[in-house]
Amino acid sequence: MTETTKTHVILLACGSFNPITKGHIQMFERARDYLHKTGRFIVIGGIVSPVHDSYGKQGLVSSRHRLIMCQLAVQNSDWIRVDPWECYQDTWQTTCSVLEHHRDLMKRVTGCILSNVNTPSMTPVIGQPQHENPQPIYQNSNVPNKPTAAKILGKVGESLSRICCVRPPVERFTFVDENANLGTVMRYEEIELRILLLCGSDLLESFCIPGLWNEADMEVIVGDFGIVVVPRDAADTDRIMNHSSILRKYKNNIMVVKDDINHPMSVVSSTKSRLALQHGDGHVVDYLSQPVIDYILKSQLYINASG
């Protein structure tokens, strides 16, 4: 399979990130490594999307703090970024809404049509800026003199990095303007692009709890987008999927990361990191990166049992 026929992927993780842990970042890295090893995917970006303050989870600190901690956690990554859209809405957003927002945003900013897992023949087009007279972005897969796939591939990462891999300074968050006009004529080559939800097996298991998820949302999340699962503590993902009719229906859209790396996925647990902070446990360094620890101590977060 050539580079241009591989599916280009953006991994999106939704959660409270209260606080974001080393394990959360490891999930991104493990998922990317696994997808690359399959030979079918190229991961071009990762997005961390913290939940809205009105989610109502006990001990959830302000999104202002959580956004900064997330930014500190990814500051050394050249492909994972933090997006504040969820936090900036008037109220809590469903996971389905967040996925659809990023799909629509990418369509507007890059001028591409994102594919979903049920319509693989509807290959999206990704624009390559050309040095011509500036014009508004437009979408047209029939532009004459299209560049070859080989020529455009080098530009894909550059173009999409504007929305997938931008890491703004901690002091201020500067994100993609949804109404931005990139000011160039766009030429197109057909390359498949998908947004996949990245999650742990605990979220997968929550799909099986009656009434917890809206079934129509589950159909969209698993059926239209697809998910990448990083199992926690030797979870039996096959057993979990067999407990849900929707998960069984879209089993082929669920990719379970299988690798030989023995990661203690308990380090993903924000709860355990908070307990370590409250008890002054030196093992907190196993859960959190030093910049995040420093920020927590400076801001006096999670110093009591209530949060």
C-alpha atoms as a PDB file:
ATOM      1  CA  MET A   1       0.000   0.000   0.000  1.00  0.00           C
ATOM      2  CA  THR A   2       1.476   3.379  -1.017  1.00  0.00           C
ATOM      3  CA  GLU A   3       1.552   6.428   1.230  1.00  0.00           C
ATOM      4  CA  THR A   4      -1.204   8.098  -0.754  1.00  0.00           C
ATOM      5  CA  THR A   5      -3.575   5.139  -0.552  1.00  0.00           C
ATOM      6  CA  LYS A   6      -3.286   4.858   3.227  1.00  0.00           C
ATOM      7  CA  THR A   7      -6.042   6.417   5.322  1.00  0.00           C
ATOM      8  CA  HIS A   8      -4.946   9.621   7.021  1.00  0.00           C
ATOM      9  CA  VAL A   9      -6.196   9.757  10.603  1.00  0.00           C
ATOM     10  CA  ILE A  10      -6.752  12.367  13.275  1.00  0.00           C
ATOM     11  CA  LEU A  11      -7.175  10.911  16.765  1.00  0.00           C
ATOM     12  CA  LEU A  12      -9.620  12.751  19.034  1.00  0.00           C
ATOM     13  CA  ALA A  13      -9.806  12.098  22.783  1.00  0.00           C
ATOM     14  CA  CYS A  14     -12.650  13.537  24.855  1.00  0.00           C
ATOM     15  CA  GLY A  15     -12.618  13.490  28.649  1.00  0.00           C
ATOM     16  CA  SER A  16     -12.437  15.436  31.868  1.00  0.00           C
ATOM     17  CA  PHE A  17      -8.594  15.337  31.977  1.00  0.00           C
ATOM     18  CA  ASN A  18      -8.834  16.198  35.660  1.00  0.00           C
ATOM     19  CA  PRO A  19      -5.857  16.264  35.524  1.00  0.00           C
ATOM     20  CA  ILE A  20      -4.340  14.960  32.301  1.00  0.00           C
ATOM     21  CA  THR A  21      -1.890  12.135  33.023  1.00  0.00           C
ATOM     22  CA  LYS A  22       1.149  10.598  31.400  1.00  0.00           C
ATOM     23  CA  GLY A  23      -1.083   7.648  30.576  1.00  0.00           C
ATOM     24  CA  HIS A  24      -3.394   9.836  28.491  1.00  0.00           C
ATOM     25  CA  ILE A  25      -0.447  10.893  26.336  1.00  0.00           C
ATOM     26  CA  GLN A  26       0.770   7.279  26.147  1.00  0.00           C
ATOM     27  CA  MET A  27      -2.640   6.316  24.770  1.00  0.00           C
ATOM     28  CA  PHE A  28      -2.096   8.671  21.834  1.00  0.00           C
ATOM     29  CA  GLU A  29       1.408   7.338  21.227  1.00  0.00           C
ATOM     30  CA  ARG A  30       0.386   3.680  21.477  1.00  0.00           C
ATOM     31  CA  ALA A  31      -2.598   4.204  19.182  1.00  0.00           C
ATOM     32  CA  ARG A  32      -0.483   5.978  16.584  1.00  0.00           C
ATOM     33  CA  ASP A  33       2.225   3.293  16.697  1.00  0.00           C
ATOM     34  CA  TYR A  34      -0.343   0.520  16.338  1.00  0.00           C
ATOM     35  CA  LEU A  35      -2.180   2.174  13.442  1.00  0.00           C
ATOM     36  CA  HIS A  36       1.084   2.763  11.625  1.00  0.00           C
ATOM     37  CA  LYS A  37       2.132  -0.867  12.106  1.00  0.00           C
ATOM     38  CA  THR A  38      -1.057  -2.076  10.426  1.00  0.00           C
ATOM     39  CA  GLY A  39       0.247  -0.498   7.223  1.00  0.00           C
ATOM     40  CA  ARG A  40      -3.176   0.976   6.468  1.00  0.00           C
ATOM     41  CA  PHE A  41      -3.077   4.299   8.323  1.00  0.00           C
ATOM     42  CA  ILE A  42      -1.041   7.463   8.730  1.00  0.00           C
ATOM     43  CA  VAL A  43      -1.806   9.426  11.898  1.00  0.00           C
ATOM     44  CA  ILE A  44      -1.328  13.103  11.110  1.00  0.00           C
ATOM     45  CA  GLY A  45      -2.645  14.679  14.306  1.00  0.00           C
ATOM     46  CA  GLY A  46      -4.048  14.212  17.776  1.00  0.00           C
ATOM     47  CA  ILE A  47      -6.601  16.376  19.565  1.00  0.00           C
ATOM     48  CA  VAL A  48      -7.223  16.564  23.332  1.00  0.00           C
ATOM     49  CA  SER A  49     -10.708  17.962  24.018  1.00  0.00           C
ATOM     50  CA  PRO A  50     -11.457  18.625  27.719  1.00  0.00           C
ATOM     51  CA  VAL A  51     -15.084  18.457  28.813  1.00  0.00           C
ATOM     52  CA  HIS A  52     -17.243  21.504  29.678  1.00  0.00           C
ATOM     53  CA  ASP A  53     -17.437  22.669  33.291  1.00  0.00           C
ATOM     54  CA  SER A  54     -21.146  21.876  33.416  1.00  0.00           C
ATOM     55  CA  TYR A  55     -20.438  18.158  32.980  1.00  0.00           C
ATOM     56  CA  GLY A  56     -21.063  18.029  36.706  1.00  0.00           C
ATOM     57  CA  LYS A  57     -18.463  15.484  37.751  1.00  0.00           C
ATOM     58  CA  GLN A  58     -17.519  15.760  41.415  1.00  0.00           C
ATOM     59  CA  GLY A  59     -14.140  17.377  41.933  1.00  0.00           C
ATOM     60  CA  LEU A  60     -13.934  18.715  38.369  1.00  0.00           C
ATOM     61  CA  VAL A  61     -11.735  21.809  38.465  1.00  0.00           C
ATOM     62  CA  SER A  62     -12.326  24.790  36.209  1.00  0.00           C
ATOM     63  CA  SER A  63     -11.720  24.292  32.510  1.00  0.00           C
ATOM     64  CA  ARG A  64      -9.303  27.236  32.695  1.00  0.00           C
ATOM     65  CA  HIS A  65      -6.992  25.079  34.808  1.00  0.00           C
ATOM     66  CA  ARG A  66      -7.615  21.890  32.863  1.00  0.00           C
ATOM     67  CA  LEU A  67      -6.837  23.538  29.524  1.00  0.00           C
ATOM     68  CA  ILE A  68      -3.538  24.868  30.823  1.00  0.00           C
ATOM     69  CA  MET A  69      -2.581  21.496  32.337  1.00  0.00           C
ATOM     70  CA  CYS A  70      -3.393  19.770  29.061  1.00  0.00           C
ATOM     71  CA  GLN A  71      -1.306  22.292  27.164  1.00  0.00           C
ATOM     72  CA  LEU A  72       1.612  21.723  29.520  1.00  0.00           C
ATOM     73  CA  ALA A  73       1.278  17.964  29.068  1.00  0.00           C
ATOM     74  CA  VAL A  74       1.560  18.138  25.265  1.00  0.00           C
ATOM     75  CA  GLN A  75       4.038  20.996  24.986  1.00  0.00           C
ATOM     76  CA  ASN A  76       6.802  18.658  23.811  1.00  0.00           C
ATOM     77  CA  SER A  77       4.637  16.863  21.262  1.00  0.00           C
ATOM     78  CA  ASP A  78       4.831  17.841  17.617  1.00  0.00           C
ATOM     79  CA  TRP A  79       1.522  16.206  16.697  1.00  0.00           C
ATOM     80  CA  ILE A  80      -0.891  16.438  19.651  1.00  0.00           C
ATOM     81  CA  ARG A  81      -2.720  19.671  20.416  1.00  0.00           C
ATOM     82  CA  VAL A  82      -5.356  20.865  22.874  1.00  0.00           C
ATOM     83  CA  ASP A  83      -8.655  22.215  21.625  1.00  0.00           C
ATOM     84  CA  PRO A  84     -10.861  24.397  23.897  1.00  0.00           C
ATOM     85  CA  TRP A  85     -14.041  24.285  21.799  1.00  0.00           C
ATOM     86  CA  GLU A  86     -15.928  22.040  24.234  1.00  0.00           C
ATOM     87  CA  CYS A  87     -14.983  24.223  27.191  1.00  0.00           C
ATOM     88  CA  TYR A  88     -15.996  27.415  25.412  1.00  0.00           C
ATOM     89  CA  GLN A  89     -19.559  26.342  24.625  1.00  0.00           C
ATOM     90  CA  ASP A  90     -22.537  27.522  26.667  1.00  0.00           C
ATOM     91  CA  THR A  91     -23.122  24.073  28.080  1.00  0.00           C
ATOM     92  CA  TRP A  92     -21.911  20.472  28.050  1.00  0.00           C
ATOM     93  CA  GLN A  93     -21.555  18.858  24.621  1.00  0.00           C
ATOM     94  CA  THR A  94     -21.999  15.199  23.740  1.00  0.00           C
ATOM     95  CA  THR A  95     -19.055  13.232  22.375  1.00  0.00           C
ATOM     96  CA  CYS A  96     -20.989  12.908  19.141  1.00  0.00           C
ATOM     97  CA  SER A  97     -21.303  16.714  18.884  1.00  0.00           C
ATOM     98  CA  VAL A  98     -17.583  17.161  19.451  1.00  0.00           C
ATOM     99  CA  LEU A  99     -16.706  14.696  16.689  1.00  0.00           C
ATOM    100  CA  GLU A 100     -19.127  16.378  14.295  1.00  0.00           C
ATOM    101  CA  HIS A 101     -17.726  19.808  15.167  1.00  0.00           C
ATOM    102  CA  HIS A 102     -14.181  18.773  14.291  1.00  0.00           C
ATOM    103  CA  ARG A 103     -15.339  17.057  11.116  1.00  0.00           C
ATOM    104  CA  ASP A 104     -17.168  20.211  10.002  1.00  0.00           C
ATOM    105  CA  LEU A 105     -14.304  22.476  11.056  1.00  0.00           C
ATOM    106  CA  MET A 106     -11.820  20.470   9.063  1.00  0.00           C
ATOM    107  CA  LYS A 107     -14.096  20.565   6.063  1.00  0.00           C
ATOM    108  CA  ARG A 108     -14.288  24.365   6.220  1.00  0.00           C
ATOM    109  CA  VAL A 109     -10.645  25.074   6.928  1.00  0.00           C
ATOM    110  CA  THR A 110      -9.004  22.528   4.636  1.00  0.00           C
ATOM    111  CA  GLY A 111     -11.653  22.445   1.943  1.00  0.00           C
ATOM    112  CA  CYS A 112     -11.934  18.665   2.219  1.00  0.00           C
ATOM    113  CA  ILE A 113     -14.787  16.232   2.532  1.00  0.00           C
ATOM    114  CA  LEU A 114     -14.116  13.825   5.372  1.00  0.00           C
ATOM    115  CA  SER A 115     -14.939  10.201   4.775  1.00  0.00           C
ATOM    116  CA  ASN A 116     -16.621   7.923   7.227  1.00  0.00           C
ATOM    117  CA  VAL A 117     -16.195   4.230   7.684  1.00  0.00           C
ATOM    118  CA  ASN A 118     -19.466   3.348   5.995  1.00  0.00           C
ATOM    119  CA  THR A 119     -18.753   5.122   2.729  1.00  0.00           C
ATOM    120  CA  PRO A 120     -15.141   4.350   1.821  1.00  0.00           C
ATOM    121  CA  SER A 121     -15.811   5.131  -1.823  1.00  0.00           C
ATOM    122  CA  MET A 122     -16.552   8.759  -0.943  1.00  0.00           C
ATOM    123  CA  THR A 123     -12.876   9.671  -0.786  1.00  0.00           C
ATOM    124  CA  PRO A 124     -12.279  13.204   0.522  1.00  0.00           C
ATOM    125  CA  VAL A 125     -10.142  15.716  -1.244  1.00  0.00           C
ATOM    126  CA  ILE A 126      -7.399  17.622   0.524  1.00  0.00           C
ATOM    127  CA  GLY A 127      -6.157  20.894  -0.860  1.00  0.00           C
ATOM    128  CA  GLN A 128      -2.612  21.770  -1.738  1.00  0.00           C
ATOM    129  CA  PRO A 129      -1.921  25.534  -1.827  1.00  0.00           C
ATOM    130  CA  GLN A 130      -0.537  26.753  -5.145  1.00  0.00           C
ATOM    131  CA  HIS A 131       1.277  29.977  -5.840  1.00  0.00           C
ATOM    132  CA  GLU A 132      -1.430  31.672  -7.813  1.00  0.00           C
ATOM    133  CA  ASN A 133      -3.626  34.707  -7.387  1.00  0.00           C
ATOM    134  CA  PRO A 134      -5.222  34.620  -3.916  1.00  0.00           C
ATOM    135  CA  GLN A 135      -8.838  33.521  -3.926  1.00  0.00           C
ATOM    136  CA  PRO A 136     -11.179  32.202  -1.258  1.00  0.00           C
ATOM    137  CA  ILE A 137     -10.973  28.505  -0.543  1.00  0.00           C
ATOM    138  CA  TYR A 138     -13.302  26.482  -2.674  1.00  0.00           C
ATOM    139  CA  GLN A 139     -13.994  22.833  -3.136  1.00  0.00           C
ATOM    140  CA  ASN A 140     -13.674  21.224  -6.509  1.00  0.00           C
ATOM    141  CA  SER A 141     -12.204  17.816  -7.236  1.00  0.00           C
ATOM    142  CA  ASN A 142     -12.322  18.455 -10.998  1.00  0.00           C
ATOM    143  CA  VAL A 143      -9.756  21.229 -11.185  1.00  0.00           C
ATOM    144  CA  PRO A 144      -7.600  20.662 -14.284  1.00  0.00           C
ATOM    145  CA  ASN A 145      -3.899  19.897 -14.031  1.00  0.00           C
ATOM    146  CA  LYS A 146      -4.142  18.252 -10.639  1.00  0.00           C
ATOM    147  CA  PRO A 147      -0.754  17.616  -9.019  1.00  0.00           C
ATOM    148  CA  THR A 148       0.271  14.009  -8.615  1.00  0.00           C
ATOM    149  CA  ALA A 149      -0.354  12.155  -5.369  1.00  0.00           C
ATOM    150  CA  ALA A 150       3.371  12.052  -4.666  1.00  0.00           C
ATOM    151  CA  LYS A 151       3.687  15.822  -4.946  1.00  0.00           C
ATOM    152  CA  ILE A 152       0.742  16.581  -2.709  1.00  0.00           C
ATOM    153  CA  LEU A 153       1.530  14.104   0.045  1.00  0.00           C
ATOM    154  CA  GLY A 154       4.341  16.262   1.349  1.00  0.00           C
ATOM    155  CA  LYS A 155       1.920  19.141   1.733  1.00  0.00           C
ATOM    156  CA  VAL A 156      -0.819  17.241   3.545  1.00  0.00           C
ATOM    157  CA  GLY A 157       0.845  17.356   6.942  1.00  0.00           C
ATOM    158  CA  GLU A 158       1.750  21.009   6.473  1.00  0.00           C
ATOM    159  CA  SER A 159      -1.781  22.002   5.532  1.00  0.00           C
ATOM    160  CA  LEU A 160      -3.470  19.999   8.259  1.00  0.00           C
ATOM    161  CA  SER A 161      -0.963  21.012  10.912  1.00  0.00           C
ATOM    162  CA  ARG A 162      -2.785  24.324  10.989  1.00  0.00           C
ATOM    163  CA  ILE A 163      -5.673  22.595  12.648  1.00  0.00           C
ATOM    164  CA  CYS A 164      -4.262  19.340  14.042  1.00  0.00           C
ATOM    165  CA  CYS A 165      -0.837  19.965  15.404  1.00  0.00           C
ATOM    166  CA  VAL A 166      -0.682  23.639  16.394  1.00  0.00           C
ATOM    167  CA  ARG A 167       0.611  23.979  19.943  1.00  0.00           C
ATOM    168  CA  PRO A 168      -0.097  27.557  21.106  1.00  0.00           C
ATOM    169  CA  PRO A 169       1.830  29.053  24.038  1.00  0.00           C
ATOM    170  CA  VAL A 170       0.421  28.330  27.475  1.00  0.00           C
ATOM    171  CA  GLU A 171      -0.079  32.025  28.168  1.00  0.00           C
ATOM    172  CA  ARG A 172      -2.759  32.350  25.520  1.00  0.00           C
ATOM    173  CA  PHE A 173      -4.769  29.973  23.408  1.00  0.00           C
ATOM    174  CA  THR A 174      -4.780  30.778  19.705  1.00  0.00           C
ATOM    175  CA  PHE A 175      -6.759  28.262  17.742  1.00  0.00           C
ATOM    176  CA  VAL A 176      -8.103  27.900  14.259  1.00  0.00           C
ATOM    177  CA  ASP A 177     -10.559  30.557  13.173  1.00  0.00           C
ATOM    178  CA  GLU A 178     -13.561  28.606  11.934  1.00  0.00           C
ATOM    179  CA  ASN A 179     -14.251  31.333   9.370  1.00  0.00           C
ATOM    180  CA  ALA A 180     -10.622  31.662   8.302  1.00  0.00           C
ATOM    181  CA  ASN A 181      -9.853  32.393   4.674  1.00  0.00           C
ATOM    182  CA  LEU A 182      -6.456  30.889   3.936  1.00  0.00           C
ATOM    183  CA  GLY A 183      -6.303  33.112   0.892  1.00  0.00           C
ATOM    184  CA  THR A 184      -4.991  30.652  -1.681  1.00  0.00           C
ATOM    185  CA  VAL A 185      -6.347  28.717  -4.584  1.00  0.00           C
ATOM    186  CA  MET A 186      -6.570  25.060  -3.633  1.00  0.00           C
ATOM    187  CA  ARG A 187      -5.737  22.172  -5.925  1.00  0.00           C
ATOM    188  CA  TYR A 188      -6.814  18.715  -4.960  1.00  0.00           C
ATOM    189  CA  GLU A 189      -5.697  15.129  -4.836  1.00  0.00           C
ATOM    190  CA  GLU A 190      -7.856  12.353  -3.474  1.00  0.00           C
ATOM    191  CA  ILE A 191      -6.636  11.211  -0.068  1.00  0.00           C
ATOM    192  CA  GLU A 192      -8.826   9.524   2.509  1.00  0.00           C
ATOM    193  CA  LEU A 193      -9.057  11.334   5.851  1.00  0.00           C
ATOM    194  CA  ARG A 194     -10.884  10.169   8.979  1.00  0.00           C
ATOM    195  CA  ILE A 195     -11.386  11.407  12.521  1.00  0.00           C
ATOM    196  CA  LEU A 196     -11.351   8.509  14.993  1.00  0.00           C
ATOM    197  CA  LEU A 197     -12.369   8.651  18.646  1.00  0.00           C
ATOM    198  CA  LEU A 198      -9.543   7.526  20.912  1.00  0.00           C
ATOM    199  CA  CYS A 199     -10.619   5.941  24.180  1.00  0.00           C
ATOM    200  CA  GLY A 200      -9.837   3.375  26.847  1.00  0.00           C
ATOM    201  CA  SER A 201     -11.680   0.125  27.342  1.00  0.00           C
ATOM    202  CA  ASP A 202     -13.567   1.737  30.253  1.00  0.00           C
ATOM    203  CA  LEU A 203     -15.357   4.060  27.835  1.00  0.00           C
ATOM    204  CA  LEU A 204     -16.037   1.134  25.518  1.00  0.00           C
ATOM    205  CA  GLU A 205     -17.573  -0.712  28.462  1.00  0.00           C
ATOM    206  CA  SER A 206     -19.764   2.284  29.278  1.00  0.00           C
ATOM    207  CA  PHE A 207     -21.462   1.813  25.896  1.00  0.00           C
ATOM    208  CA  CYS A 208     -22.955  -1.368  27.369  1.00  0.00           C
ATOM    209  CA  ILE A 209     -24.660   0.381  30.310  1.00  0.00           C
ATOM    210  CA  PRO A 210     -28.382   0.722  29.485  1.00  0.00           C
ATOM    211  CA  GLY A 211     -29.546   4.332  29.177  1.00  0.00           C
ATOM    212  CA  LEU A 212     -26.125   5.888  29.659  1.00  0.00           C
ATOM    213  CA  TRP A 213     -25.561   6.695  25.987  1.00  0.00           C
ATOM    214  CA  ASN A 214     -28.039   7.914  23.420  1.00  0.00           C
ATOM    215  CA  GLU A 215     -28.288   5.071  20.900  1.00  0.00           C
ATOM    216  CA  ALA A 216     -28.453   7.452  17.935  1.00  0.00           C
ATOM    217  CA  ASP A 217     -25.193   9.031  19.135  1.00  0.00           C
ATOM    218  CA  MET A 218     -23.597   5.608  19.488  1.00  0.00           C
ATOM    219  CA  GLU A 219     -24.576   4.799  15.907  1.00  0.00           C
ATOM    220  CA  VAL A 220     -22.801   7.949  14.708  1.00  0.00           C
ATOM    221  CA  ILE A 221     -19.723   7.560  16.946  1.00  0.00           C
ATOM    222  CA  VAL A 222     -19.067   3.922  16.134  1.00  0.00           C
ATOM    223  CA  GLY A 223     -20.826   3.603  12.790  1.00  0.00           C
ATOM    224  CA  ASP A 224     -19.830   6.844  11.058  1.00  0.00           C
ATOM    225  CA  PHE A 225     -16.540   7.780  12.717  1.00  0.00           C
ATOM    226  CA  GLY A 226     -15.074   4.662  14.306  1.00  0.00           C
ATOM    227  CA  ILE A 227     -13.035   4.288  17.473  1.00  0.00           C
ATOM    228  CA  VAL A 228      -9.555   3.237  18.550  1.00  0.00           C
ATOM    229  CA  VAL A 229      -9.467   1.489  21.923  1.00  0.00           C
ATOM    230  CA  VAL A 230      -6.412   1.238  24.162  1.00  0.00           C
ATOM    231  CA  PRO A 231      -7.265  -1.544  26.643  1.00  0.00           C
ATOM    232  CA  ARG A 232      -6.719  -0.979  30.338  1.00  0.00           C
ATOM    233  CA  ASP A 233      -5.385  -3.697  32.627  1.00  0.00           C
ATOM    234  CA  ALA A 234      -5.924  -6.631  30.277  1.00  0.00           C
ATOM    235  CA  ALA A 235      -9.596  -5.809  29.682  1.00  0.00           C
ATOM    236  CA  ASP A 236     -11.460  -8.337  27.524  1.00  0.00           C
ATOM    237  CA  THR A 237     -12.599  -6.066  24.709  1.00  0.00           C
ATOM    238  CA  ASP A 238     -14.231  -8.910  22.779  1.00  0.00           C
ATOM    239  CA  ARG A 239     -16.422  -9.704  25.753  1.00  0.00           C
ATOM    240  CA  ILE A 240     -17.309  -6.034  26.153  1.00  0.00           C
ATOM    241  CA  MET A 241     -18.293  -5.672  22.491  1.00  0.00           C
ATOM    242  CA  ASN A 242     -20.467  -8.767  22.631  1.00  0.00           C
ATOM    243  CA  HIS A 243     -22.574  -7.107  25.339  1.00  0.00           C
ATOM    244  CA  SER A 244     -23.789  -4.339  23.025  1.00  0.00           C
ATOM    245  CA  SER A 245     -25.795  -4.824  19.837  1.00  0.00           C
ATOM    246  CA  ILE A 246     -24.409  -1.595  18.380  1.00  0.00           C
ATOM    247  CA  LEU A 247     -20.813  -2.557  19.150  1.00  0.00           C
ATOM    248  CA  ARG A 248     -21.408  -5.957  17.598  1.00  0.00           C
ATOM    249  CA  LYS A 249     -22.989  -4.352  14.542  1.00  0.00           C
ATOM    250  CA  TYR A 250     -20.002  -2.076  13.955  1.00  0.00           C
ATOM    251  CA  LYS A 251     -17.286  -4.371  15.282  1.00  0.00           C
ATOM    252  CA  ASN A 252     -15.175  -3.788  12.174  1.00  0.00           C
ATOM    253  CA  ASN A 253     -15.117  -0.048  12.965  1.00  0.00           C
ATOM    254  CA  ILE A 254     -13.537  -0.673  16.369  1.00  0.00           C
ATOM    255  CA  MET A 255      -9.756  -0.981  16.352  1.00  0.00           C
ATOM    256  CA  VAL A 256      -8.250  -2.396  19.531  1.00  0.00           C
ATOM    257  CA  VAL A 257      -4.594  -1.518  20.087  1.00  0.00           C
ATOM    258  CA  LYS A 258      -2.534  -4.661  20.468  1.00  0.00           C
ATOM    259  CA  ASP A 259       1.144  -4.272  21.166  1.00  0.00           C
ATOM    260  CA  ASP A 260       3.952  -5.917  23.119  1.00  0.00           C
ATOM    261  CA  ILE A 261       4.544  -2.921  25.350  1.00  0.00           C
ATOM    262  CA  ASN A 262       3.716  -3.617  28.976  1.00  0.00           C
ATOM    263  CA  HIS A 263       2.308  -0.238  29.961  1.00  0.00           C
ATOM    264  CA  PRO A 264       0.700  -0.084  33.423  1.00  0.00           C
ATOM    265  CA  MET A 265      -2.474   1.551  32.145  1.00  0.00           C
ATOM    266  CA  SER A 266      -3.473   2.400  35.727  1.00  0.00           C
ATOM    267  CA  VAL A 267      -1.242   5.462  35.234  1.00  0.00           C
ATOM    268  CA  VAL A 268      -4.025   6.806  33.010  1.00  0.00           C
ATOM    269  CA  SER A 269      -6.193   7.222  36.112  1.00  0.00           C
ATOM    270  CA  SER A 270      -6.788  10.864  37.013  1.00  0.00           C
ATOM    271  CA  THR A 271      -8.476   9.659  40.219  1.00  0.00           C
ATOM    272  CA  LYS A 272      -5.314   7.898  41.406  1.00  0.00           C
ATOM    273  CA  SER A 273      -3.210  10.937  40.575  1.00  0.00           C
ATOM    274  CA  ARG A 274      -5.516  13.156  42.643  1.00  0.00           C
ATOM    275  CA  LEU A 275      -5.316  10.749  45.594  1.00  0.00           C
ATOM    276  CA  ALA A 276      -1.535  10.752  45.329  1.00  0.00           C
ATOM    277  CA  LEU A 277      -1.531  14.547  45.412  1.00  0.00           C
ATOM    278  CA  GLN A 278      -3.861  14.668  48.421  1.00  0.00           C
ATOM    279  CA  HIS A 279      -1.697  12.216  50.376  1.00  0.00           C
ATOM    280  CA  GLY A 280       1.608  13.774  49.379  1.00  0.00           C
ATOM    281  CA  ASP A 281       2.574  10.521  47.691  1.00  0.00           C
ATOM    282  CA  GLY A 282       5.858  10.786  45.837  1.00  0.00           C
ATOM    283  CA  HIS A 283       4.550   8.292  43.288  1.00  0.00           C
ATOM    284  CA  VAL A 284       2.526  11.145  41.782  1.00  0.00           C
ATOM    285  CA  VAL A 285       5.468  11.505  39.370  1.00  0.00           C
ATOM    286  CA  ASP A 286       4.424   8.140  37.905  1.00  0.00           C
ATOM    287  CA  TYR A 287       1.086   9.660  36.909  1.00  0.00           C
ATOM    288  CA  LEU A 288       1.789  13.276  36.010  1.00  0.00           C
ATOM    289  CA  SER A 289       4.491  15.129  34.099  1.00  0.00           C
ATOM    290  CA  GLN A 290       6.550  17.584  36.125  1.00  0.00           C
ATOM    291  CA  PRO A 291       5.154  20.748  34.461  1.00  0.00           C
ATOM    292  CA  VAL A 292       1.625  19.588  35.322  1.00  0.00           C
ATOM    293  CA  ILE A 293       2.649  18.828  38.928  1.00  0.00           C
ATOM    294  CA  ASP A 294       4.275  22.254  39.231  1.00  0.00           C
ATOM    295  CA  TYR A 295       1.140  23.974  37.942  1.00  0.00           C
ATOM    296  CA  ILE A 296      -1.096  21.996  40.312  1.00  0.00           C
ATOM    297  CA  LEU A 297       1.031  22.915  43.330  1.00  0.00           C
ATOM    298  CA  LYS A 298       1.275  26.555  42.276  1.00  0.00           C
ATOM    299  CA  SER A 299      -2.515  26.779  41.793  1.00  0.00           C
ATOM    300  CA  GLN A 300      -3.283  24.706  44.903  1.00  0.00           C
ATOM    301  CA  LEU A 301      -5.482  22.245  43.026  1.00  0.00           C
ATOM    302  CA  TYR A 302      -6.666  18.869  44.355  1.00  0.00           C
ATOM    303  CA  ILE A 303      -5.363  19.574  47.862  1.00  0.00           C
ATOM    304  CA  ASN A 304      -8.444  18.201  49.610  1.00  0.00           C
ATOM    305  CA  ALA A 305     -10.696  15.196  49.203  1.00  0.00           C
ATOM    306  CA  SER A 306     -13.451  17.180  47.465  1.00  0.00           C
ATOM    307  CA  GLY A 307     -11.325  18.053  44.496  1.00  0.00           C
END
